[in-house]
Amino acid sequence: MANIELYELPGCPFCAKVVDALDELGLEYESHEVPRARGDRTEVEEISGQTGVPVLVDRDHGVEGMPESDDIVAYLEETYGDAA
């Protein structure tokens, strides 16, 4: 099982931005497709405190529910990019 998990919604441009960053960095991750209805996203809410996606979990670095695509991409580049 991958230590990086991404909660995402197909067709979400913010999720696609994070997927592109994960792919560019060559990182393996487990994808969790969330329901379209925000009210049904109980798992995401439990993890991150909100129902928006994307949400990243990185068990190796103690990240238990990071929201916001720009923050996630910056984190991935800082943690796993060439400068890491």
C-alpha atoms as a PDB file:
ATOM      1  CA  MET A   1       0.000   0.000   0.000  1.00  0.00           C
ATOM      2  CA  ALA A   2       1.237   3.456  -0.903  1.00  0.00           C
ATOM      3  CA  ASN A   3       2.058   5.813   1.932  1.00  0.00           C
ATOM      4  CA  ILE A   4       0.670   8.733  -0.071  1.00  0.00           C
ATOM      5  CA  GLU A   5      -3.076   8.918  -0.544  1.00  0.00           C
ATOM      6  CA  LEU A   6      -5.078  11.412  -2.567  1.00  0.00           C
ATOM      7  CA  TYR A   7      -8.782  12.057  -2.117  1.00  0.00           C
ATOM      8  CA  GLU A   8     -10.030  13.394  -5.419  1.00  0.00           C
ATOM      9  CA  LEU A   9     -12.971  13.863  -7.727  1.00  0.00           C
ATOM     10  CA  PRO A  10     -12.795  13.024 -11.458  1.00  0.00           C
ATOM     11  CA  GLY A  11     -12.995  16.150 -13.580  1.00  0.00           C
ATOM     12  CA  CYS A  12     -11.813  18.416 -10.768  1.00  0.00           C
ATOM     13  CA  PRO A  13      -9.121  20.773 -12.168  1.00  0.00           C
ATOM     14  CA  PHE A  14      -7.589  21.268  -8.715  1.00  0.00           C
ATOM     15  CA  CYS A  15      -7.285  17.499  -8.264  1.00  0.00           C
ATOM     16  CA  ALA A  16      -5.754  17.172 -11.749  1.00  0.00           C
ATOM     17  CA  LYS A  17      -3.108  19.732 -10.760  1.00  0.00           C
ATOM     18  CA  VAL A  18      -2.072  17.549  -7.807  1.00  0.00           C
ATOM     19  CA  VAL A  19      -2.142  14.351  -9.895  1.00  0.00           C
ATOM     20  CA  ASP A  20       0.135  16.028 -12.448  1.00  0.00           C
ATOM     21  CA  ALA A  21       2.593  16.971  -9.687  1.00  0.00           C
ATOM     22  CA  LEU A  22       2.554  13.435  -8.259  1.00  0.00           C
ATOM     23  CA  ASP A  23       3.165  11.989 -11.727  1.00  0.00           C
ATOM     24  CA  GLU A  24       5.935  14.476 -12.559  1.00  0.00           C
ATOM     25  CA  LEU A  25       7.707  13.564  -9.330  1.00  0.00           C
ATOM     26  CA  GLY A  26       7.270   9.846 -10.048  1.00  0.00           C
ATOM     27  CA  LEU A  27       5.459   9.234  -6.780  1.00  0.00           C
ATOM     28  CA  GLU A  28       3.241   6.235  -6.187  1.00  0.00           C
ATOM     29  CA  TYR A  29      -0.016   7.015  -4.461  1.00  0.00           C
ATOM     30  CA  GLU A  30      -3.374   5.515  -3.684  1.00  0.00           C
ATOM     31  CA  SER A  31      -6.321   7.377  -5.161  1.00  0.00           C
ATOM     32  CA  HIS A  32      -9.669   7.614  -3.374  1.00  0.00           C
ATOM     33  CA  GLU A  33     -12.542   8.847  -5.514  1.00  0.00           C
ATOM     34  CA  VAL A  34     -14.971  10.858  -3.404  1.00  0.00           C
ATOM     35  CA  PRO A  35     -18.711  11.291  -3.980  1.00  0.00           C
ATOM     36  CA  ARG A  36     -19.857  14.312  -5.994  1.00  0.00           C
ATOM     37  CA  ALA A  37     -22.212  15.437  -3.233  1.00  0.00           C
ATOM     38  CA  ARG A  38     -20.252  17.282  -0.538  1.00  0.00           C
ATOM     39  CA  GLY A  39     -22.668  15.996   2.110  1.00  0.00           C
ATOM     40  CA  ASP A  40     -21.583  12.431   1.309  1.00  0.00           C
ATOM     41  CA  ARG A  41     -17.865  13.104   1.767  1.00  0.00           C
ATOM     42  CA  THR A  42     -17.753  12.035   5.390  1.00  0.00           C
ATOM     43  CA  GLU A  43     -14.380  10.291   5.050  1.00  0.00           C
ATOM     44  CA  VAL A  44     -12.744  13.429   3.648  1.00  0.00           C
ATOM     45  CA  GLU A  45     -14.303  15.541   6.391  1.00  0.00           C
ATOM     46  CA  GLU A  46     -13.000  13.180   9.085  1.00  0.00           C
ATOM     47  CA  ILE A  47      -9.486  13.388   7.654  1.00  0.00           C
ATOM     48  CA  SER A  48      -9.228  17.087   6.821  1.00  0.00           C
ATOM     49  CA  GLY A  49     -12.026  18.832   8.668  1.00  0.00           C
ATOM     50  CA  GLN A  50     -13.647  19.992   5.417  1.00  0.00           C
ATOM     51  CA  THR A  51     -15.364  18.435   2.402  1.00  0.00           C
ATOM     52  CA  GLY A  52     -13.398  19.997  -0.449  1.00  0.00           C
ATOM     53  CA  VAL A  53     -10.926  18.104  -2.581  1.00  0.00           C
ATOM     54  CA  PRO A  54      -8.127  17.447  -3.218  1.00  0.00           C
ATOM     55  CA  VAL A  55      -6.872  16.225   0.139  1.00  0.00           C
ATOM     56  CA  LEU A  56      -3.446  14.623   0.579  1.00  0.00           C
ATOM     57  CA  VAL A  57      -2.323  12.129   3.210  1.00  0.00           C
ATOM     58  CA  ASP A  58       1.412  11.341   3.474  1.00  0.00           C
ATOM     59  CA  ARG A  59       1.970   8.899   6.325  1.00  0.00           C
ATOM     60  CA  ASP A  60       5.776   8.945   5.949  1.00  0.00           C
ATOM     61  CA  HIS A  61       5.849  12.657   6.817  1.00  0.00           C
ATOM     62  CA  GLY A  62       2.954  12.907   9.273  1.00  0.00           C
ATOM     63  CA  VAL A  63       0.572  14.650   6.889  1.00  0.00           C
ATOM     64  CA  GLU A  64      -2.893  13.489   7.856  1.00  0.00           C
ATOM     65  CA  GLY A  65      -5.168  15.583   5.657  1.00  0.00           C
ATOM     66  CA  MET A  66      -3.712  18.508   3.722  1.00  0.00           C
ATOM     67  CA  PRO A  67      -6.269  20.443   1.621  1.00  0.00           C
ATOM     68  CA  GLU A  68      -5.757  23.066  -1.119  1.00  0.00           C
ATOM     69  CA  SER A  69      -4.086  22.106  -4.390  1.00  0.00           C
ATOM     70  CA  ASP A  70      -1.468  24.901  -4.333  1.00  0.00           C
ATOM     71  CA  ASP A  71      -0.397  23.941  -0.806  1.00  0.00           C
ATOM     72  CA  ILE A  72      -0.244  20.268  -1.750  1.00  0.00           C
ATOM     73  CA  VAL A  73       1.836  20.892  -4.885  1.00  0.00           C
ATOM     74  CA  ALA A  74       4.253  23.140  -2.962  1.00  0.00           C
ATOM     75  CA  TYR A  75       4.556  20.490  -0.238  1.00  0.00           C
ATOM     76  CA  LEU A  76       5.229  17.723  -2.765  1.00  0.00           C
ATOM     77  CA  GLU A  77       7.880  19.748  -4.582  1.00  0.00           C
ATOM     78  CA  GLU A  78       9.561  20.744  -1.330  1.00  0.00           C
ATOM     79  CA  THR A  79       9.447  17.240   0.133  1.00  0.00           C
ATOM     80  CA  TYR A  80      10.065  15.064  -2.934  1.00  0.00           C
ATOM     81  CA  GLY A  81      11.464  17.399  -5.619  1.00  0.00           C
ATOM     82  CA  ASP A  82      15.075  17.791  -6.723  1.00  0.00           C
ATOM     83  CA  ALA A  83      15.823  20.254  -3.937  1.00  0.00           C
ATOM     84  CA  ALA A  84      14.647  17.822  -1.253  1.00  0.00           C
END
